[in-house]
Each structure stands twice: as C-alpha cells, then as structure tokens.
Amino acid sequence: MQRVRKGDEVVVVAGKDKGVRGRVLQVDPQRGRVKVEKAAVVKRHVRPSQKHPQGGIVEQEAYIHLSNVQVWDPKAHAGCRIRVEQRGDSRVRVSTKSGESFE
C-alpha cells in the first residue's frame, strides 16, 4: 500500500521548496517520486502542438523525491509520517502524530 497517494495534501520538508504545501498531482512508485502542485516549478521549452499552438516556454511542476515530502495532518497542523494498520478486512493509512486515518 502506498503511503502517499494522488490527491493527498503534502508539505515539502527538504530542498529549495521547503515549507510549500500542495496536493499530489502524480505519483511514480517505480522511481519513488511525486509531483506536488506549486512545488519544484521548472520551465520547459515546448514545440508547437495542438495543446500549445504557439509553442514557447511553459512552467510546470517537476518530480520531488518521496523522502522530501510528508503528508499534511490537518488535526496536528503539521507534516506527519504514515503507518499502515490492519483494521478488520482492510488496511488503513494512519497518522503517527494524531492517530487520524486518511481514508
């Protein structure tokens, strides 16, 4: 079970965007990286296409390593680690700070 999922609110805890909070846009479990909105914004040169008819320079989010983000716990008002617990027949992601589940 993934500890960080698409749509989770996370906080960046290391790197040039330390302190930025945002939603997870994409998760790449093979490489252990995530894309977070408004974090690690880079400029890309794009060719003209249907999506970008003029082409030019576009700003977009880059991947950040999973170790540099923590899931935001609204109850504790801080980033927290996640553990996975077995509750009945299902597995649930739980905050280590407040004990709140994220399902």
PDB file of N, CA and C in Angstrom:
ATOM      1  N   MET A   1       0.854  -1.187   0.000  1.00  0.00           N
ATOM      2  CA  MET A   1       0.000   0.000   0.000  1.00  0.00           C
ATOM      3  C   MET A   1       0.894   1.242   0.000  1.00  0.00           C
ATOM      4  N   GLN A   2       0.543   2.193  -0.858  1.00  0.00           N
ATOM      5  CA  GLN A   2       1.318   3.426  -0.938  1.00  0.00           C
ATOM      6  C   GLN A   2       0.999   4.335   0.241  1.00  0.00           C
ATOM      7  N   ARG A   3       2.028   4.953   0.778  1.00  0.00           N
ATOM      8  CA  ARG A   3       1.826   5.862   1.899  1.00  0.00           C
ATOM      9  C   ARG A   3       1.420   7.250   1.416  1.00  0.00           C
ATOM     10  N   VAL A   4       1.849   7.632   0.209  1.00  0.00           N
ATOM     11  CA  VAL A   4       1.460   8.909  -0.388  1.00  0.00           C
ATOM     12  C   VAL A   4       0.703   8.598  -1.669  1.00  0.00           C
ATOM     13  N   ARG A   5      -0.482   9.185  -1.814  1.00  0.00           N
ATOM     14  CA  ARG A   5      -1.320   8.915  -2.973  1.00  0.00           C
ATOM     15  C   ARG A   5      -1.668  10.201  -3.707  1.00  0.00           C
ATOM     16  N   LYS A   6      -2.120  10.050  -4.938  1.00  0.00           N
ATOM     17  CA  LYS A   6      -2.585  11.191  -5.716  1.00  0.00           C
ATOM     18  C   LYS A   6      -3.761  11.834  -4.988  1.00  0.00           C
ATOM     19  N   GLY A   7      -3.721  13.163  -4.859  1.00  0.00           N
ATOM     20  CA  GLY A   7      -4.793  13.883  -4.194  1.00  0.00           C
ATOM     21  C   GLY A   7      -4.506  14.200  -2.738  1.00  0.00           C
ATOM     22  N   ASP A   8      -3.504  13.554  -2.140  1.00  0.00           N
ATOM     23  CA  ASP A   8      -3.136  13.853  -0.750  1.00  0.00           C
ATOM     24  C   ASP A   8      -2.568  15.264  -0.660  1.00  0.00           C
ATOM     25  N   GLU A   9      -2.786  15.910   0.487  1.00  0.00           N
ATOM     26  CA  GLU A   9      -2.138  17.190   0.740  1.00  0.00           C
ATOM     27  C   GLU A   9      -0.831  16.899   1.460  1.00  0.00           C
ATOM     28  N   VAL A  10       0.268  17.422   0.917  1.00  0.00           N
ATOM     29  CA  VAL A  10       1.585  17.169   1.492  1.00  0.00           C
ATOM     30  C   VAL A  10       2.307  18.487   1.728  1.00  0.00           C
ATOM     31  N   VAL A  11       3.364  18.425   2.536  1.00  0.00           N
ATOM     32  CA  VAL A  11       4.228  19.568   2.774  1.00  0.00           C
ATOM     33  C   VAL A  11       5.646  19.133   2.408  1.00  0.00           C
ATOM     34  N   VAL A  12       6.371  20.011   1.703  1.00  0.00           N
ATOM     35  CA  VAL A  12       7.747  19.727   1.324  1.00  0.00           C
ATOM     36  C   VAL A  12       8.623  20.023   2.535  1.00  0.00           C
ATOM     37  N   VAL A  13       9.450  19.059   2.952  1.00  0.00           N
ATOM     38  CA  VAL A  13      10.252  19.205   4.168  1.00  0.00           C
ATOM     39  C   VAL A  13      11.737  19.398   3.881  1.00  0.00           C
ATOM     40  N   ALA A  14      12.153  19.301   2.614  1.00  0.00           N
ATOM     41  CA  ALA A  14      13.562  19.490   2.284  1.00  0.00           C
ATOM     42  C   ALA A  14      13.681  19.992   0.852  1.00  0.00           C
ATOM     43  N   GLY A  15      14.771  20.712   0.581  1.00  0.00           N
ATOM     44  CA  GLY A  15      15.026  21.205  -0.766  1.00  0.00           C
ATOM     45  C   GLY A  15      14.689  22.665  -0.909  1.00  0.00           C
ATOM     46  N   LYS A  16      14.748  23.150  -2.148  1.00  0.00           N
ATOM     47  CA  LYS A  16      14.549  24.584  -2.393  1.00  0.00           C
ATOM     48  C   LYS A  16      13.117  25.045  -2.143  1.00  0.00           C
ATOM     49  N   ASP A  17      12.164  24.136  -2.155  1.00  0.00           N
ATOM     50  CA  ASP A  17      10.761  24.480  -1.918  1.00  0.00           C
ATOM     51  C   ASP A  17      10.293  24.073  -0.530  1.00  0.00           C
ATOM     52  N   LYS A  18      11.190  24.015   0.417  1.00  0.00           N
ATOM     53  CA  LYS A  18      10.857  23.607   1.782  1.00  0.00           C
ATOM     54  C   LYS A  18       9.755  24.503   2.339  1.00  0.00           C
ATOM     55  N   GLY A  19       8.728  23.878   2.944  1.00  0.00           N
ATOM     56  CA  GLY A  19       7.622  24.621   3.536  1.00  0.00           C
ATOM     57  C   GLY A  19       6.413  24.769   2.637  1.00  0.00           C
ATOM     58  N   VAL A  20       6.530  24.437   1.358  1.00  0.00           N
ATOM     59  CA  VAL A  20       5.413  24.573   0.417  1.00  0.00           C
ATOM     60  C   VAL A  20       4.421  23.439   0.660  1.00  0.00           C
ATOM     61  N   ARG A  21       3.137  23.810   0.757  1.00  0.00           N
ATOM     62  CA  ARG A  21       2.068  22.832   0.903  1.00  0.00           C
ATOM     63  C   ARG A  21       1.274  22.758  -0.385  1.00  0.00           C
ATOM     64  N   GLY A  22       0.895  21.555  -0.800  1.00  0.00           N
ATOM     65  CA  GLY A  22       0.097  21.412  -2.012  1.00  0.00           C
ATOM     66  C   GLY A  22      -0.400  19.989  -2.174  1.00  0.00           C
ATOM     67  N   ARG A  23      -1.235  19.804  -3.185  1.00  0.00           N
ATOM     68  CA  ARG A  23      -1.809  18.486  -3.479  1.00  0.00           C
ATOM     69  C   ARG A  23      -0.855  17.693  -4.371  1.00  0.00           C
ATOM     70  N   VAL A  24      -0.870  16.375  -4.218  1.00  0.00           N
ATOM     71  CA  VAL A  24      -0.077  15.486  -5.055  1.00  0.00           C
ATOM     72  C   VAL A  24      -0.787  15.349  -6.394  1.00  0.00           C
ATOM     73  N   LEU A  25      -0.079  15.674  -7.484  1.00  0.00           N
ATOM     74  CA  LEU A  25      -0.644  15.586  -8.827  1.00  0.00           C
ATOM     75  C   LEU A  25      -0.398  14.219  -9.457  1.00  0.00           C
ATOM     76  N   GLN A  26       0.809  13.670  -9.231  1.00  0.00           N
ATOM     77  CA  GLN A  26       1.168  12.370  -9.789  1.00  0.00           C
ATOM     78  C   GLN A  26       2.102  11.657  -8.827  1.00  0.00           C
ATOM     79  N   VAL A  27       2.058  10.331  -8.853  1.00  0.00           N
ATOM     80  CA  VAL A  27       2.980   9.522  -8.069  1.00  0.00           C
ATOM     81  C   VAL A  27       3.667   8.551  -9.018  1.00  0.00           C
ATOM     82  N   ASP A  28       4.993   8.458  -8.922  1.00  0.00           N
ATOM     83  CA  ASP A  28       5.765   7.492  -9.701  1.00  0.00           C
ATOM     84  C   ASP A  28       6.388   6.499  -8.714  1.00  0.00           C
ATOM     85  N   PRO A  29       5.682   5.395  -8.405  1.00  0.00           N
ATOM     86  CA  PRO A  29       6.178   4.466  -7.387  1.00  0.00           C
ATOM     87  C   PRO A  29       7.456   3.742  -7.793  1.00  0.00           C
ATOM     88  N   GLN A  30       7.680   3.569  -9.092  1.00  0.00           N
ATOM     89  CA  GLN A  30       8.898   2.878  -9.542  1.00  0.00           C
ATOM     90  C   GLN A  30      10.147   3.678  -9.175  1.00  0.00           C
ATOM     91  N   ARG A  31      10.084   5.000  -9.356  1.00  0.00           N
ATOM     92  CA  ARG A  31      11.223   5.875  -9.071  1.00  0.00           C
ATOM     93  C   ARG A  31      11.154   6.495  -7.683  1.00  0.00           C
ATOM     94  N   GLY A  32      10.012   6.333  -6.987  1.00  0.00           N
ATOM     95  CA  GLY A  32       9.861   6.888  -5.649  1.00  0.00           C
ATOM     96  C   GLY A  32       9.777   8.399  -5.661  1.00  0.00           C
ATOM     97  N   ARG A  33       9.003   8.951  -6.596  1.00  0.00           N
ATOM     98  CA  ARG A  33       8.904  10.400  -6.740  1.00  0.00           C
ATOM     99  C   ARG A  33       7.448  10.835  -6.884  1.00  0.00           C
ATOM    100  N   VAL A  34       7.180  12.101  -6.541  1.00  0.00           N
ATOM    101  CA  VAL A  34       5.841  12.672  -6.652  1.00  0.00           C
ATOM    102  C   VAL A  34       5.914  14.057  -7.280  1.00  0.00           C
ATOM    103  N   LYS A  35       4.815  14.465  -7.904  1.00  0.00           N
ATOM    104  CA  LYS A  35       4.660  15.835  -8.380  1.00  0.00           C
ATOM    105  C   LYS A  35       3.689  16.531  -7.448  1.00  0.00           C
ATOM    106  N   VAL A  36       4.097  17.696  -6.929  1.00  0.00           N
ATOM    107  CA  VAL A  36       3.278  18.459  -5.996  1.00  0.00           C
ATOM    108  C   VAL A  36       2.966  19.794  -6.638  1.00  0.00           C
ATOM    109  N   GLU A  37       1.674  20.213  -6.579  1.00  0.00           N
ATOM    110  CA  GLU A  37       1.314  21.485  -7.192  1.00  0.00           C
ATOM    111  C   GLU A  37       2.037  22.637  -6.498  1.00  0.00           C
ATOM    112  N   LYS A  38       2.505  23.584  -7.277  1.00  0.00           N
ATOM    113  CA  LYS A  38       3.202  24.789  -6.816  1.00  0.00           C
ATOM    114  C   LYS A  38       4.561  24.512  -6.186  1.00  0.00           C
ATOM    115  N   ALA A  39       5.109  23.314  -6.357  1.00  0.00           N
ATOM    116  CA  ALA A  39       6.436  22.998  -5.819  1.00  0.00           C
ATOM    117  C   ALA A  39       7.317  22.482  -6.949  1.00  0.00           C
ATOM    118  N   ALA A  40       8.580  22.826  -6.925  1.00  0.00           N
ATOM    119  CA  ALA A  40       9.560  22.403  -7.933  1.00  0.00           C
ATOM    120  C   ALA A  40       9.115  22.814  -9.334  1.00  0.00           C
ATOM    121  N   VAL A  41       8.695  24.060  -9.487  1.00  0.00           N
ATOM    122  CA  VAL A  41       8.236  24.555 -10.784  1.00  0.00           C
ATOM    123  C   VAL A  41       9.459  24.831 -11.653  1.00  0.00           C
ATOM    124  N   VAL A  42       9.459  24.248 -12.871  1.00  0.00           N
ATOM    125  CA  VAL A  42      10.557  24.422 -13.816  1.00  0.00           C
ATOM    126  C   VAL A  42       9.994  24.934 -15.138  1.00  0.00           C
ATOM    127  N   LYS A  43      10.875  25.496 -15.956  1.00  0.00           N
ATOM    128  CA  LYS A  43      10.459  25.975 -17.274  1.00  0.00           C
ATOM    129  C   LYS A  43      10.883  24.958 -18.318  1.00  0.00           C
ATOM    130  N   ARG A  44       9.959  24.633 -19.219  1.00  0.00           N
ATOM    131  CA  ARG A  44      10.217  23.681 -20.291  1.00  0.00           C
ATOM    132  C   ARG A  44       9.975  24.358 -21.635  1.00  0.00           C
ATOM    133  N   HIS A  45      10.840  24.077 -22.585  1.00  0.00           N
ATOM    134  CA  HIS A  45      10.648  24.559 -23.953  1.00  0.00           C
ATOM    135  C   HIS A  45       9.802  23.527 -24.686  1.00  0.00           C
ATOM    136  N   VAL A  46       8.672  23.956 -25.260  1.00  0.00           N
ATOM    137  CA  VAL A  46       7.780  23.017 -25.944  1.00  0.00           C
ATOM    138  C   VAL A  46       7.618  23.428 -27.400  1.00  0.00           C
ATOM    139  N   ARG A  47       7.496  22.428 -28.242  1.00  0.00           N
ATOM    140  CA  ARG A  47       7.261  22.663 -29.658  1.00  0.00           C
ATOM    141  C   ARG A  47       5.787  22.984 -29.877  1.00  0.00           C
ATOM    142  N   PRO A  48       5.459  23.629 -30.957  1.00  0.00           N
ATOM    143  CA  PRO A  48       4.045  23.865 -31.257  1.00  0.00           C
ATOM    144  C   PRO A  48       3.290  22.536 -31.395  1.00  0.00           C
ATOM    145  N   SER A  49       2.114  22.466 -30.768  1.00  0.00           N
ATOM    146  CA  SER A  49       1.269  21.280 -30.839  1.00  0.00           C
ATOM    147  C   SER A  49      -0.179  21.734 -30.694  1.00  0.00           C
ATOM    148  N   GLN A  50      -1.105  20.802 -30.677  1.00  0.00           N
ATOM    149  CA  GLN A  50      -2.500  21.187 -30.505  1.00  0.00           C
ATOM    150  C   GLN A  50      -2.730  21.783 -29.122  1.00  0.00           C
ATOM    151  N   LYS A  51      -2.040  21.246 -28.131  1.00  0.00           N
ATOM    152  CA  LYS A  51      -2.195  21.749 -26.772  1.00  0.00           C
ATOM    153  C   LYS A  51      -1.562  23.136 -26.620  1.00  0.00           C
ATOM    154  N   HIS A  52      -0.403  23.342 -27.240  1.00  0.00           N
ATOM    155  CA  HIS A  52       0.300  24.630 -27.206  1.00  0.00           C
ATOM    156  C   HIS A  52       0.566  25.069 -28.650  1.00  0.00           C
ATOM    157  N   PRO A  53      -0.406  25.736 -29.295  1.00  0.00           N
ATOM    158  CA  PRO A  53      -0.254  26.063 -30.716  1.00  0.00           C
ATOM    159  C   PRO A  53       0.938  26.980 -31.006  1.00  0.00           C
ATOM    160  N   GLN A  54       1.291  27.854 -30.070  1.00  0.00           N
ATOM    161  CA  GLN A  54       2.410  28.765 -30.288  1.00  0.00           C
ATOM    162  C   GLN A  54       3.747  28.144 -29.917  1.00  0.00           C
ATOM    163  N   GLY A  55       3.698  27.090 -29.083  1.00  0.00           N
ATOM    164  CA  GLY A  55       4.954  26.560 -28.561  1.00  0.00           C
ATOM    165  C   GLY A  55       5.469  27.518 -27.499  1.00  0.00           C
ATOM    166  N   GLY A  56       6.773  27.570 -27.287  1.00  0.00           N
ATOM    167  CA  GLY A  56       7.351  28.519 -26.365  1.00  0.00           C
ATOM    168  C   GLY A  56       7.800  27.886 -25.062  1.00  0.00           C
ATOM    169  N   ILE A  57       7.833  28.702 -24.009  1.00  0.00           N
ATOM    170  CA  ILE A  57       8.315  28.256 -22.713  1.00  0.00           C
ATOM    171  C   ILE A  57       7.134  28.109 -21.757  1.00  0.00           C
ATOM    172  N   VAL A  58       7.008  26.935 -21.158  1.00  0.00           N
ATOM    173  CA  VAL A  58       5.881  26.622 -20.285  1.00  0.00           C
ATOM    174  C   VAL A  58       6.428  26.271 -18.901  1.00  0.00           C
ATOM    175  N   GLU A  59       5.756  26.755 -17.847  1.00  0.00           N
ATOM    176  CA  GLU A  59       6.139  26.382 -16.490  1.00  0.00           C
ATOM    177  C   GLU A  59       5.303  25.189 -16.053  1.00  0.00           C
ATOM    178  N   GLN A  60       5.981  24.182 -15.471  1.00  0.00           N
ATOM    179  CA  GLN A  60       5.276  23.010 -14.976  1.00  0.00           C
ATOM    180  C   GLN A  60       6.015  22.437 -13.775  1.00  0.00           C
ATOM    181  N   GLU A  61       5.325  21.597 -13.005  1.00  0.00           N
ATOM    182  CA  GLU A  61       5.906  21.004 -11.814  1.00  0.00           C
ATOM    183  C   GLU A  61       6.835  19.851 -12.198  1.00  0.00           C
ATOM    184  N   ALA A  62       7.934  19.728 -11.472  1.00  0.00           N
ATOM    185  CA  ALA A  62       8.860  18.613 -11.649  1.00  0.00           C
ATOM    186  C   ALA A  62       8.658  17.624 -10.508  1.00  0.00           C
ATOM    187  N   TYR A  63       9.249  16.451 -10.652  1.00  0.00           N
ATOM    188  CA  TYR A  63       9.135  15.429  -9.616  1.00  0.00           C
ATOM    189  C   TYR A  63      10.026  15.762  -8.420  1.00  0.00           C
ATOM    190  N   ILE A  64       9.561  15.381  -7.230  1.00  0.00           N
ATOM    191  CA  ILE A  64      10.295  15.519  -5.978  1.00  0.00           C
ATOM    192  C   ILE A  64      10.397  14.122  -5.378  1.00  0.00           C
ATOM    193  N   HIS A  65      11.523  13.815  -4.742  1.00  0.00           N
ATOM    194  CA  HIS A  65      11.684  12.500  -4.117  1.00  0.00           C
ATOM    195  C   HIS A  65      10.727  12.359  -2.932  1.00  0.00           C
ATOM    196  N   LEU A  66      10.207  11.154  -2.740  1.00  0.00           N
ATOM    197  CA  LEU A  66       9.241  10.890  -1.668  1.00  0.00           C
ATOM    198  C   LEU A  66       9.785  11.219  -0.282  1.00  0.00           C
ATOM    199  N   SER A  67      11.104  11.098  -0.098  1.00  0.00           N
ATOM    200  CA  SER A  67      11.680  11.366   1.217  1.00  0.00           C
ATOM    201  C   SER A  67      11.645  12.848   1.562  1.00  0.00           C
ATOM    202  N   ASN A  68      11.383  13.700   0.583  1.00  0.00           N
ATOM    203  CA  ASN A  68      11.364  15.144   0.810  1.00  0.00           C
ATOM    204  C   ASN A  68       9.962  15.701   1.046  1.00  0.00           C
ATOM    205  N   VAL A  69       8.954  14.828   1.139  1.00  0.00           N
ATOM    206  CA  VAL A  69       7.592  15.284   1.418  1.00  0.00           C
ATOM    207  C   VAL A  69       7.006  14.481   2.569  1.00  0.00           C
ATOM    208  N   GLN A  70       6.078  15.115   3.300  1.00  0.00           N
ATOM    209  CA  GLN A  70       5.319  14.431   4.340  1.00  0.00           C
ATOM    210  C   GLN A  70       3.848  14.766   4.142  1.00  0.00           C
ATOM    211  N   VAL A  71       3.002  13.803   4.454  1.00  0.00           N
ATOM    212  CA  VAL A  71       1.558  14.019   4.354  1.00  0.00           C
ATOM    213  C   VAL A  71       1.143  15.027   5.422  1.00  0.00           C
ATOM    214  N   TRP A  72       0.287  15.987   5.038  1.00  0.00           N
ATOM    215  CA  TRP A  72      -0.181  17.025   5.962  1.00  0.00           C
ATOM    216  C   TRP A  72      -1.300  16.457   6.821  1.00  0.00           C
ATOM    217  N   ASP A  73      -1.138  16.584   8.136  1.00  0.00           N
ATOM    218  CA  ASP A  73      -2.150  16.127   9.084  1.00  0.00           C
ATOM    219  C   ASP A  73      -2.943  17.344   9.543  1.00  0.00           C
ATOM    220  N   PRO A  74      -4.205  17.494   9.113  1.00  0.00           N
ATOM    221  CA  PRO A  74      -4.978  18.686   9.479  1.00  0.00           C
ATOM    222  C   PRO A  74      -5.266  18.778  10.974  1.00  0.00           C
ATOM    223  N   LYS A  75      -5.338  17.652  11.656  1.00  0.00           N
ATOM    224  CA  LYS A  75      -5.623  17.673  13.082  1.00  0.00           C
ATOM    225  C   LYS A  75      -4.405  18.169  13.874  1.00  0.00           C
ATOM    226  N   ALA A  76      -3.186  17.758  13.456  1.00  0.00           N
ATOM    227  CA  ALA A  76      -1.962  18.160  14.143  1.00  0.00           C
ATOM    228  C   ALA A  76      -1.388  19.455  13.575  1.00  0.00           C
ATOM    229  N   HIS A  77      -1.918  19.921  12.432  1.00  0.00           N
ATOM    230  CA  HIS A  77      -1.421  21.118  11.736  1.00  0.00           C
ATOM    231  C   HIS A  77       0.072  21.015  11.448  1.00  0.00           C
ATOM    232  N   ALA A  78       0.507  19.842  10.968  1.00  0.00           N
ATOM    233  CA  ALA A  78       1.915  19.622  10.652  1.00  0.00           C
ATOM    234  C   ALA A  78       2.041  18.428   9.711  1.00  0.00           C
ATOM    235  N   GLY A  79       3.219  18.283   9.121  1.00  0.00           N
ATOM    236  CA  GLY A  79       3.501  17.101   8.335  1.00  0.00           C
ATOM    237  C   GLY A  79       3.696  15.924   9.264  1.00  0.00           C
ATOM    238  N   CYS A  80       3.374  14.721   8.803  1.00  0.00           N
ATOM    239  CA  CYS A  80       3.489  13.550   9.667  1.00  0.00           C
ATOM    240  C   CYS A  80       3.906  12.338   8.848  1.00  0.00           C
ATOM    241  N   ARG A  81       4.426  11.358   9.543  1.00  0.00           N
ATOM    242  CA  ARG A  81       4.717  10.080   8.920  1.00  0.00           C
ATOM    243  C   ARG A  81       3.430   9.263   8.897  1.00  0.00           C
ATOM    244  N   ILE A  82       3.410   8.281   8.011  1.00  0.00           N
ATOM    245  CA  ILE A  82       2.222   7.450   7.837  1.00  0.00           C
ATOM    246  C   ILE A  82       2.581   6.002   8.144  1.00  0.00           C
ATOM    247  N   ARG A  83       1.729   5.339   8.909  1.00  0.00           N
ATOM    248  CA  ARG A  83       1.881   3.903   9.088  1.00  0.00           C
ATOM    249  C   ARG A  83       0.627   3.225   8.559  1.00  0.00           C
ATOM    250  N   VAL A  84       0.749   1.963   8.223  1.00  0.00           N
ATOM    251  CA  VAL A  84      -0.378   1.204   7.683  1.00  0.00           C
ATOM    252  C   VAL A  84      -0.826   0.214   8.742  1.00  0.00           C
ATOM    253  N   GLU A  85      -2.119   0.259   9.084  1.00  0.00           N
ATOM    254  CA  GLU A  85      -2.684  -0.639  10.091  1.00  0.00           C
ATOM    255  C   GLU A  85      -3.726  -1.539   9.456  1.00  0.00           C
ATOM    256  N   GLN A  86      -3.858  -2.726  10.025  1.00  0.00           N
ATOM    257  CA  GLN A  86      -4.890  -3.666   9.597  1.00  0.00           C
ATOM    258  C   GLN A  86      -6.112  -3.437  10.478  1.00  0.00           C
ATOM    259  N   ARG A  87      -7.226  -3.012   9.879  1.00  0.00           N
ATOM    260  CA  ARG A  87      -8.467  -2.812  10.627  1.00  0.00           C
ATOM    261  C   ARG A  87      -9.547  -3.658   9.980  1.00  0.00           C
ATOM    262  N   GLY A  88      -9.856  -4.749  10.645  1.00  0.00           N
ATOM    263  CA  GLY A  88     -10.832  -5.674  10.061  1.00  0.00           C
ATOM    264  C   GLY A  88     -10.245  -6.335   8.830  1.00  0.00           C
ATOM    265  N   ASP A  89     -10.967  -6.226   7.718  1.00  0.00           N
ATOM    266  CA  ASP A  89     -10.509  -6.840   6.473  1.00  0.00           C
ATOM    267  C   ASP A  89      -9.703  -5.881   5.608  1.00  0.00           C
ATOM    268  N   SER A  90      -9.590  -4.620   6.018  1.00  0.00           N
ATOM    269  CA  SER A  90      -8.909  -3.640   5.171  1.00  0.00           C
ATOM    270  C   SER A  90      -7.681  -3.060   5.857  1.00  0.00           C
ATOM    271  N   ARG A  91      -6.801  -2.507   5.043  1.00  0.00           N
ATOM    272  CA  ARG A  91      -5.620  -1.820   5.544  1.00  0.00           C
ATOM    273  C   ARG A  91      -5.874  -0.322   5.448  1.00  0.00           C
ATOM    274  N   VAL A  92      -5.489   0.417   6.483  1.00  0.00           N
ATOM    275  CA  VAL A  92      -5.795   1.841   6.575  1.00  0.00           C
ATOM    276  C   VAL A  92      -4.506   2.607   6.843  1.00  0.00           C
ATOM    277  N   ARG A  93      -4.351   3.762   6.186  1.00  0.00           N
ATOM    278  CA  ARG A  93      -3.213   4.648   6.442  1.00  0.00           C
ATOM    279  C   ARG A  93      -3.542   5.512   7.653  1.00  0.00           C
ATOM    280  N   VAL A  94      -2.615   5.587   8.605  1.00  0.00           N
ATOM    281  CA  VAL A  94      -2.855   6.278   9.865  1.00  0.00           C
ATOM    282  C   VAL A  94      -1.695   7.230  10.157  1.00  0.00           C
ATOM    283  N   SER A  95      -2.012   8.429  10.662  1.00  0.00           N
ATOM    284  CA  SER A  95      -1.006   9.403  11.053  1.00  0.00           C
ATOM    285  C   SER A  95      -0.310   8.947  12.334  1.00  0.00           C
ATOM    286  N   THR A  96       1.010   9.135  12.398  1.00  0.00           N
ATOM    287  CA  THR A  96       1.741   8.764  13.605  1.00  0.00           C
ATOM    288  C   THR A  96       1.606   9.840  14.680  1.00  0.00           C
ATOM    289  N   LYS A  97       1.219  11.068  14.300  1.00  0.00           N
ATOM    290  CA  LYS A  97       1.094  12.144  15.283  1.00  0.00           C
ATOM    291  C   LYS A  97      -0.259  12.148  15.975  1.00  0.00           C
ATOM    292  N   SER A  98      -1.335  12.122  15.190  1.00  0.00           N
ATOM    293  CA  SER A  98      -2.657  12.260  15.793  1.00  0.00           C
ATOM    294  C   SER A  98      -3.450  10.946  15.828  1.00  0.00           C
ATOM    295  N   GLY A  99      -2.997   9.936  15.114  1.00  0.00           N
ATOM    296  CA  GLY A  99      -3.734   8.676  15.061  1.00  0.00           C
ATOM    297  C   GLY A  99      -4.924   8.723  14.125  1.00  0.00           C
ATOM    298  N   GLU A 100      -5.072   9.826  13.387  1.00  0.00           N
ATOM    299  CA  GLU A 100      -6.185  10.016  12.450  1.00  0.00           C
ATOM    300  C   GLU A 100      -5.954   9.173  11.193  1.00  0.00           C
ATOM    301  N   SER A 101      -7.020   8.562  10.656  1.00  0.00           N
ATOM    302  CA  SER A 101      -6.879   7.781   9.431  1.00  0.00           C
ATOM    303  C   SER A 101      -7.110   8.678   8.220  1.00  0.00           C
ATOM    304  N   PHE A 102      -6.529   8.293   7.068  1.00  0.00           N
ATOM    305  CA  PHE A 102      -6.599   9.105   5.854  1.00  0.00           C
ATOM    306  C   PHE A 102      -7.469   8.468   4.781  1.00  0.00           C
ATOM    307  N   GLU A 103      -8.472   7.723   5.153  1.00  0.00           N
ATOM    308  CA  GLU A 103      -9.330   7.087   4.132  1.00  0.00           C
ATOM    309  C   GLU A 103     -10.649   7.779   3.998  1.00  0.00           C
TER     310      GLU A 103
END
